[in-house]
Each structure stands twice: as structure tokens, then as C-alpha cells.
Amino acid sequence: MADLATIARPYAEALFSSAQPTDLASWSEQLSELAQIASAPELALLANNPKVSAADLSQLIVGMAKTKVSDKVLSFLRLLNQNQRLGVLSEIAAQFNLLKNQSEGAAEVMITSAFPIEGEALTSLLTSLKKRFGGKELRSTISIDPSLIGGIRVQVGDEVLDGSVKARLAQMQMSLSA
């Protein structure tokens, strides 16, 4: 994965630097959708086929998109196809989204809970997380994972706060076996 990040970073930074602040949200949405489409195994086969041109492959991907793709993002997609970097598009989209969030003073937070969390409990959790991460605006994604047994697991960037029962049991097992 580190190799993909190394390859994707210059592309994401170049695309980000060419975007206007008003384009960031739209481009992020377009890149995410194109990355999802490009990750299909059938498209990987087409990308490696010498009979399929980069322009044709780009048009096929854009044709499958539900959102309208801007001319600059289409040019970027063609560049990726010409350089045979279509497989890196999902990492480019992720890094572009990181740059976008940094410029807006925000962060993505992934909350995994053993049980549904909503209402006042969610508001309270987000308020305490906002304090913990320096007042950044947090854009949360919540998922349910019953294997946690209880508690929650929070991931913001590279930092993980694991308060799940599963993690505590694993810690106790390590302590007892040491």
C-alpha cells in the first residue's frame, strides 16, 4: 500500500493545486465515483489490453458514471490511462479527499460500534472527539460491527481509539499469556 500512496501523492497534489476552492467538493465526488468504477476487475482487463486506447477507456469509464464529469477531471483520467496508472485512482481519490479536508480544516472519522449509535449519544461522542482532535470539523461515517461485542472503535486518519470490549479482551489475553 505504501507504494500506491507514493505513486498517487504527486497526482493528487497536482490535481488539488489545479482545482478552484469551489471545485473541490465536486471533484472529490467525481474522483470517488470514477475510482469505484475503475476498480472493477473487468476494467483492469481492458486497461491492460493494447487494442483499447486510453481515450476509449476513459470514455467508457466516464460513460458509466452517474455524475457529470468535468473536462479537467476527464483530462486527468485520460492522463492516468496513458500512464497506465488507472489502478492507483482509488488512492489518488483518497489523497485528494485528505488534501480537501485539510484545506477546509476538517477530518474524516470512521466510527465502528457494536450497536447502533444515534441521537444524543452520537452528538456527545462527536463533541468529545472534536475537542480531542483540536476542534476540527469531523465528517463521520458510522458502521456496525457486532464482533466488537460492546463499545466503539474510532479512526481519524492514522490514529485509532479502540474502546471496544473485543480490544480489551485481547489486551487481557496478552497480559495473561506474557
C-alpha atoms as a PDB file:
ATOM      1  CA  MET A   1       0.000   0.000   0.000  1.00  0.00           C
ATOM      2  CA  ALA A   2       2.883   2.366   0.666  1.00  0.00           C
ATOM      3  CA  ASP A   3       3.885   2.029  -2.986  1.00  0.00           C
ATOM      4  CA  LEU A   4       0.409   3.045  -4.136  1.00  0.00           C
ATOM      5  CA  ALA A   5       0.458   6.040  -1.807  1.00  0.00           C
ATOM      6  CA  THR A   6       3.858   7.088  -3.131  1.00  0.00           C
ATOM      7  CA  ILE A   7       2.666   6.872  -6.721  1.00  0.00           C
ATOM      8  CA  ALA A   8      -0.695   8.554  -6.001  1.00  0.00           C
ATOM      9  CA  ARG A   9       0.574  11.517  -3.967  1.00  0.00           C
ATOM     10  CA  PRO A  10       2.018  13.612  -6.849  1.00  0.00           C
ATOM     11  CA  TYR A  11      -1.108  13.039  -8.945  1.00  0.00           C
ATOM     12  CA  ALA A  12      -3.422  14.025  -6.078  1.00  0.00           C
ATOM     13  CA  GLU A  13      -1.345  17.105  -5.256  1.00  0.00           C
ATOM     14  CA  ALA A  14      -1.237  18.206  -8.901  1.00  0.00           C
ATOM     15  CA  LEU A  15      -4.983  17.799  -9.297  1.00  0.00           C
ATOM     16  CA  PHE A  16      -5.624  19.571  -5.992  1.00  0.00           C
ATOM     17  CA  SER A  17      -3.398  22.511  -6.925  1.00  0.00           C
ATOM     18  CA  SER A  18      -5.223  22.945 -10.246  1.00  0.00           C
ATOM     19  CA  ALA A  19      -8.667  22.953  -8.591  1.00  0.00           C
ATOM     20  CA  GLN A  20     -10.511  26.091  -7.578  1.00  0.00           C
ATOM     21  CA  PRO A  21     -11.826  26.095  -3.990  1.00  0.00           C
ATOM     22  CA  THR A  22     -15.357  25.920  -5.362  1.00  0.00           C
ATOM     23  CA  ASP A  23     -14.472  22.800  -7.398  1.00  0.00           C
ATOM     24  CA  LEU A  24     -13.116  20.721  -4.509  1.00  0.00           C
ATOM     25  CA  ALA A  25     -16.356  19.059  -3.379  1.00  0.00           C
ATOM     26  CA  SER A  26     -17.469  18.304  -6.930  1.00  0.00           C
ATOM     27  CA  TRP A  27     -14.084  16.939  -7.974  1.00  0.00           C
ATOM     28  CA  SER A  28     -13.861  14.819  -4.834  1.00  0.00           C
ATOM     29  CA  GLU A  29     -17.252  13.291  -5.614  1.00  0.00           C
ATOM     30  CA  GLN A  30     -16.296  12.698  -9.266  1.00  0.00           C
ATOM     31  CA  LEU A  31     -12.968  11.090  -8.341  1.00  0.00           C
ATOM     32  CA  SER A  32     -14.595   8.812  -5.773  1.00  0.00           C
ATOM     33  CA  GLU A  33     -17.176   7.601  -8.274  1.00  0.00           C
ATOM     34  CA  LEU A  34     -14.601   7.123 -11.044  1.00  0.00           C
ATOM     35  CA  ALA A  35     -12.335   5.228  -8.641  1.00  0.00           C
ATOM     36  CA  GLN A  36     -15.173   2.912  -7.729  1.00  0.00           C
ATOM     37  CA  ILE A  37     -15.903   2.256 -11.405  1.00  0.00           C
ATOM     38  CA  ALA A  38     -12.226   1.812 -12.303  1.00  0.00           C
ATOM     39  CA  SER A  39     -11.717  -0.740  -9.540  1.00  0.00           C
ATOM     40  CA  ALA A  40     -13.914  -3.271 -11.375  1.00  0.00           C
ATOM     41  CA  PRO A  41     -11.842  -6.298 -12.450  1.00  0.00           C
ATOM     42  CA  GLU A  42     -13.291  -6.138 -15.980  1.00  0.00           C
ATOM     43  CA  LEU A  43     -11.880  -2.640 -16.454  1.00  0.00           C
ATOM     44  CA  ALA A  44      -8.460  -3.803 -15.304  1.00  0.00           C
ATOM     45  CA  LEU A  45      -8.527  -6.333 -18.124  1.00  0.00           C
ATOM     46  CA  LEU A  46      -9.450  -3.599 -20.616  1.00  0.00           C
ATOM     47  CA  ALA A  47      -6.748  -1.300 -19.248  1.00  0.00           C
ATOM     48  CA  ASN A  48      -4.131  -3.975 -19.938  1.00  0.00           C
ATOM     49  CA  ASN A  49      -5.449  -4.673 -23.435  1.00  0.00           C
ATOM     50  CA  PRO A  50      -3.230  -2.976 -26.062  1.00  0.00           C
ATOM     51  CA  LYS A  51      -6.159  -2.843 -28.510  1.00  0.00           C
ATOM     52  CA  VAL A  52      -8.096  -0.466 -26.228  1.00  0.00           C
ATOM     53  CA  SER A  53      -6.873   3.133 -26.399  1.00  0.00           C
ATOM     54  CA  ALA A  54      -6.569   5.342 -23.329  1.00  0.00           C
ATOM     55  CA  ALA A  55      -9.175   7.726 -24.771  1.00  0.00           C
ATOM     56  CA  ASP A  56     -11.668   4.909 -25.361  1.00  0.00           C
ATOM     57  CA  LEU A  57     -11.162   3.506 -21.892  1.00  0.00           C
ATOM     58  CA  SER A  58     -11.607   6.975 -20.377  1.00  0.00           C
ATOM     59  CA  GLN A  59     -14.836   7.490 -22.332  1.00  0.00           C
ATOM     60  CA  LEU A  60     -16.111   4.098 -21.188  1.00  0.00           C
ATOM     61  CA  ILE A  61     -15.446   4.916 -17.530  1.00  0.00           C
ATOM     62  CA  VAL A  62     -16.997   8.383 -17.813  1.00  0.00           C
ATOM     63  CA  GLY A  63     -19.984   6.871 -19.606  1.00  0.00           C
ATOM     64  CA  MET A  64     -20.584   4.576 -16.641  1.00  0.00           C
ATOM     65  CA  ALA A  65     -20.515   7.468 -14.149  1.00  0.00           C
ATOM     66  CA  LYS A  66     -23.815   8.763 -12.790  1.00  0.00           C
ATOM     67  CA  THR A  67     -22.473  12.252 -12.096  1.00  0.00           C
ATOM     68  CA  LYS A  68     -21.329  14.594 -14.832  1.00  0.00           C
ATOM     69  CA  VAL A  69     -17.540  14.536 -15.108  1.00  0.00           C
ATOM     70  CA  SER A  70     -15.849  17.901 -15.654  1.00  0.00           C
ATOM     71  CA  ASP A  71     -13.453  18.430 -18.555  1.00  0.00           C
ATOM     72  CA  LYS A  72     -10.439  18.766 -16.234  1.00  0.00           C
ATOM     73  CA  VAL A  73     -11.231  15.544 -14.391  1.00  0.00           C
ATOM     74  CA  LEU A  74     -11.736  13.816 -17.750  1.00  0.00           C
ATOM     75  CA  SER A  75      -8.327  15.093 -18.922  1.00  0.00           C
ATOM     76  CA  PHE A  76      -6.837  13.837 -15.673  1.00  0.00           C
ATOM     77  CA  LEU A  77      -8.431  10.418 -16.206  1.00  0.00           C
ATOM     78  CA  ARG A  78      -7.002  10.270 -19.732  1.00  0.00           C
ATOM     79  CA  LEU A  79      -3.555  11.126 -18.353  1.00  0.00           C
ATOM     80  CA  LEU A  80      -3.830   8.296 -15.825  1.00  0.00           C
ATOM     81  CA  ASN A  81      -4.844   5.894 -18.591  1.00  0.00           C
ATOM     82  CA  GLN A  82      -1.965   6.980 -20.829  1.00  0.00           C
ATOM     83  CA  ASN A  83       0.495   6.447 -17.985  1.00  0.00           C
ATOM     84  CA  GLN A  84      -1.125   3.114 -17.090  1.00  0.00           C
ATOM     85  CA  ARG A  85      -1.979   4.338 -13.598  1.00  0.00           C
ATOM     86  CA  LEU A  86      -5.707   3.572 -13.556  1.00  0.00           C
ATOM     87  CA  GLY A  87      -5.175   1.094 -10.709  1.00  0.00           C
ATOM     88  CA  VAL A  88      -3.998   3.939  -8.486  1.00  0.00           C
ATOM     89  CA  LEU A  89      -7.151   6.039  -8.965  1.00  0.00           C
ATOM     90  CA  SER A  90      -8.765   4.972  -5.677  1.00  0.00           C
ATOM     91  CA  GLU A  91      -5.662   6.009  -3.726  1.00  0.00           C
ATOM     92  CA  ILE A  92      -5.499   9.296  -5.660  1.00  0.00           C
ATOM     93  CA  ALA A  93      -9.151   9.949  -4.748  1.00  0.00           C
ATOM     94  CA  ALA A  94      -8.421   9.203  -1.083  1.00  0.00           C
ATOM     95  CA  GLN A  95      -5.397  11.519  -1.011  1.00  0.00           C
ATOM     96  CA  PHE A  96      -7.295  14.248  -2.877  1.00  0.00           C
ATOM     97  CA  ASN A  97     -10.039  13.969  -0.255  1.00  0.00           C
ATOM     98  CA  LEU A  98      -7.417  14.259   2.516  1.00  0.00           C
ATOM     99  CA  LEU A  99      -5.999  17.422   0.934  1.00  0.00           C
ATOM    100  CA  LYS A 100      -9.512  18.816   0.548  1.00  0.00           C
ATOM    101  CA  ASN A 101     -10.303  18.140   4.202  1.00  0.00           C
ATOM    102  CA  GLN A 102      -7.017  19.699   5.356  1.00  0.00           C
ATOM    103  CA  SER A 103      -7.722  22.841   3.375  1.00  0.00           C
ATOM    104  CA  GLU A 104     -11.183  23.036   4.946  1.00  0.00           C
ATOM    105  CA  GLY A 105      -9.915  22.274   8.474  1.00  0.00           C
ATOM    106  CA  ALA A 106     -11.884  19.036   8.603  1.00  0.00           C
ATOM    107  CA  ALA A 107     -11.193  15.353   9.104  1.00  0.00           C
ATOM    108  CA  GLU A 108     -12.918  12.088   8.215  1.00  0.00           C
ATOM    109  CA  VAL A 109     -13.816   9.980  11.228  1.00  0.00           C
ATOM    110  CA  MET A 110     -14.796   6.316  10.970  1.00  0.00           C
ATOM    111  CA  ILE A 111     -16.850   5.205  13.964  1.00  0.00           C
ATOM    112  CA  THR A 112     -17.409   1.475  14.330  1.00  0.00           C
ATOM    113  CA  SER A 113     -19.846   0.426  17.015  1.00  0.00           C
ATOM    114  CA  ALA A 114     -21.123  -2.894  18.278  1.00  0.00           C
ATOM    115  CA  PHE A 115     -24.650  -1.452  18.361  1.00  0.00           C
ATOM    116  CA  PRO A 116     -26.403   1.382  16.519  1.00  0.00           C
ATOM    117  CA  ILE A 117     -25.415   4.779  17.880  1.00  0.00           C
ATOM    118  CA  GLU A 118     -27.586   7.812  17.207  1.00  0.00           C
ATOM    119  CA  GLY A 119     -29.231  10.864  18.714  1.00  0.00           C
ATOM    120  CA  GLU A 120     -27.768  12.399  21.850  1.00  0.00           C
ATOM    121  CA  ALA A 121     -25.146   9.655  22.263  1.00  0.00           C
ATOM    122  CA  LEU A 122     -23.766  10.356  18.782  1.00  0.00           C
ATOM    123  CA  THR A 123     -23.831  14.125  19.327  1.00  0.00           C
ATOM    124  CA  SER A 124     -21.994  13.753  22.632  1.00  0.00           C
ATOM    125  CA  LEU A 125     -19.404  11.427  21.061  1.00  0.00           C
ATOM    126  CA  LEU A 126     -18.763  13.806  18.147  1.00  0.00           C
ATOM    127  CA  THR A 127     -18.434  16.768  20.539  1.00  0.00           C
ATOM    128  CA  SER A 128     -15.823  14.979  22.640  1.00  0.00           C
ATOM    129  CA  LEU A 129     -13.975  13.786  19.520  1.00  0.00           C
ATOM    130  CA  LYS A 130     -13.972  17.326  18.159  1.00  0.00           C
ATOM    131  CA  LYS A 131     -12.270  18.521  21.367  1.00  0.00           C
ATOM    132  CA  ARG A 132      -9.824  15.604  21.223  1.00  0.00           C
ATOM    133  CA  PHE A 133      -8.788  16.423  17.650  1.00  0.00           C
ATOM    134  CA  GLY A 134      -8.260  20.155  18.059  1.00  0.00           C
ATOM    135  CA  GLY A 135     -11.683  21.488  17.111  1.00  0.00           C
ATOM    136  CA  LYS A 136     -11.624  20.166  13.546  1.00  0.00           C
ATOM    137  CA  GLU A 137     -14.925  19.650  11.814  1.00  0.00           C
ATOM    138  CA  LEU A 138     -15.482  15.898  11.799  1.00  0.00           C
ATOM    139  CA  ARG A 139     -17.233  14.188   8.919  1.00  0.00           C
ATOM    140  CA  SER A 140     -18.382  10.919  10.389  1.00  0.00           C
ATOM    141  CA  THR A 141     -19.105   7.567   8.846  1.00  0.00           C
ATOM    142  CA  ILE A 142     -20.730   5.069  11.173  1.00  0.00           C
ATOM    143  CA  SER A 143     -20.693   1.317  10.745  1.00  0.00           C
ATOM    144  CA  ILE A 144     -21.951  -1.532  12.886  1.00  0.00           C
ATOM    145  CA  ASP A 145     -19.690  -4.480  13.725  1.00  0.00           C
ATOM    146  CA  PRO A 146     -21.225  -6.937  16.212  1.00  0.00           C
ATOM    147  CA  SER A 147     -17.856  -8.688  16.608  1.00  0.00           C
ATOM    148  CA  LEU A 148     -16.728  -5.753  18.803  1.00  0.00           C
ATOM    149  CA  ILE A 149     -19.071  -7.191  21.472  1.00  0.00           C
ATOM    150  CA  GLY A 150     -19.524  -3.723  23.018  1.00  0.00           C
ATOM    151  CA  GLY A 151     -18.045  -0.228  22.912  1.00  0.00           C
ATOM    152  CA  ILE A 152     -16.738   1.674  19.900  1.00  0.00           C
ATOM    153  CA  ARG A 153     -13.678   1.998  17.696  1.00  0.00           C
ATOM    154  CA  VAL A 154     -12.833   5.431  16.258  1.00  0.00           C
ATOM    155  CA  GLN A 155     -10.374   6.101  13.448  1.00  0.00           C
ATOM    156  CA  VAL A 156      -9.305   9.585  12.399  1.00  0.00           C
ATOM    157  CA  GLY A 157      -6.546   9.441   9.817  1.00  0.00           C
ATOM    158  CA  ASP A 158      -3.803   7.199  11.204  1.00  0.00           C
ATOM    159  CA  GLU A 159      -4.972   7.476  14.797  1.00  0.00           C
ATOM    160  CA  VAL A 160      -7.198   4.736  16.211  1.00  0.00           C
ATOM    161  CA  LEU A 161      -9.016   4.888  19.543  1.00  0.00           C
ATOM    162  CA  ASP A 162     -10.271   1.406  20.356  1.00  0.00           C
ATOM    163  CA  GLY A 163     -12.604   1.242  23.341  1.00  0.00           C
ATOM    164  CA  SER A 164     -14.282  -1.969  22.291  1.00  0.00           C
ATOM    165  CA  VAL A 165     -14.762  -4.982  24.530  1.00  0.00           C
ATOM    166  CA  LYS A 166     -13.037  -7.088  21.885  1.00  0.00           C
ATOM    167  CA  ALA A 167      -9.866  -4.954  22.143  1.00  0.00           C
ATOM    168  CA  ARG A 168      -9.935  -5.065  25.939  1.00  0.00           C
ATOM    169  CA  LEU A 169     -10.274  -8.851  25.900  1.00  0.00           C
ATOM    170  CA  ALA A 170      -7.338  -9.097  23.500  1.00  0.00           C
ATOM    171  CA  GLN A 171      -5.289  -6.872  25.848  1.00  0.00           C
ATOM    172  CA  MET A 172      -6.174  -9.060  28.828  1.00  0.00           C
ATOM    173  CA  GLN A 173      -5.244 -12.185  26.880  1.00  0.00           C
ATOM    174  CA  MET A 174      -1.822 -10.717  26.044  1.00  0.00           C
ATOM    175  CA  SER A 175      -1.257  -9.709  29.673  1.00  0.00           C
ATOM    176  CA  LEU A 176      -2.194 -13.147  30.972  1.00  0.00           C
ATOM    177  CA  SER A 177      -0.104 -15.026  28.430  1.00  0.00           C
ATOM    178  CA  ALA A 178       3.016 -12.894  28.966  1.00  0.00           C
END
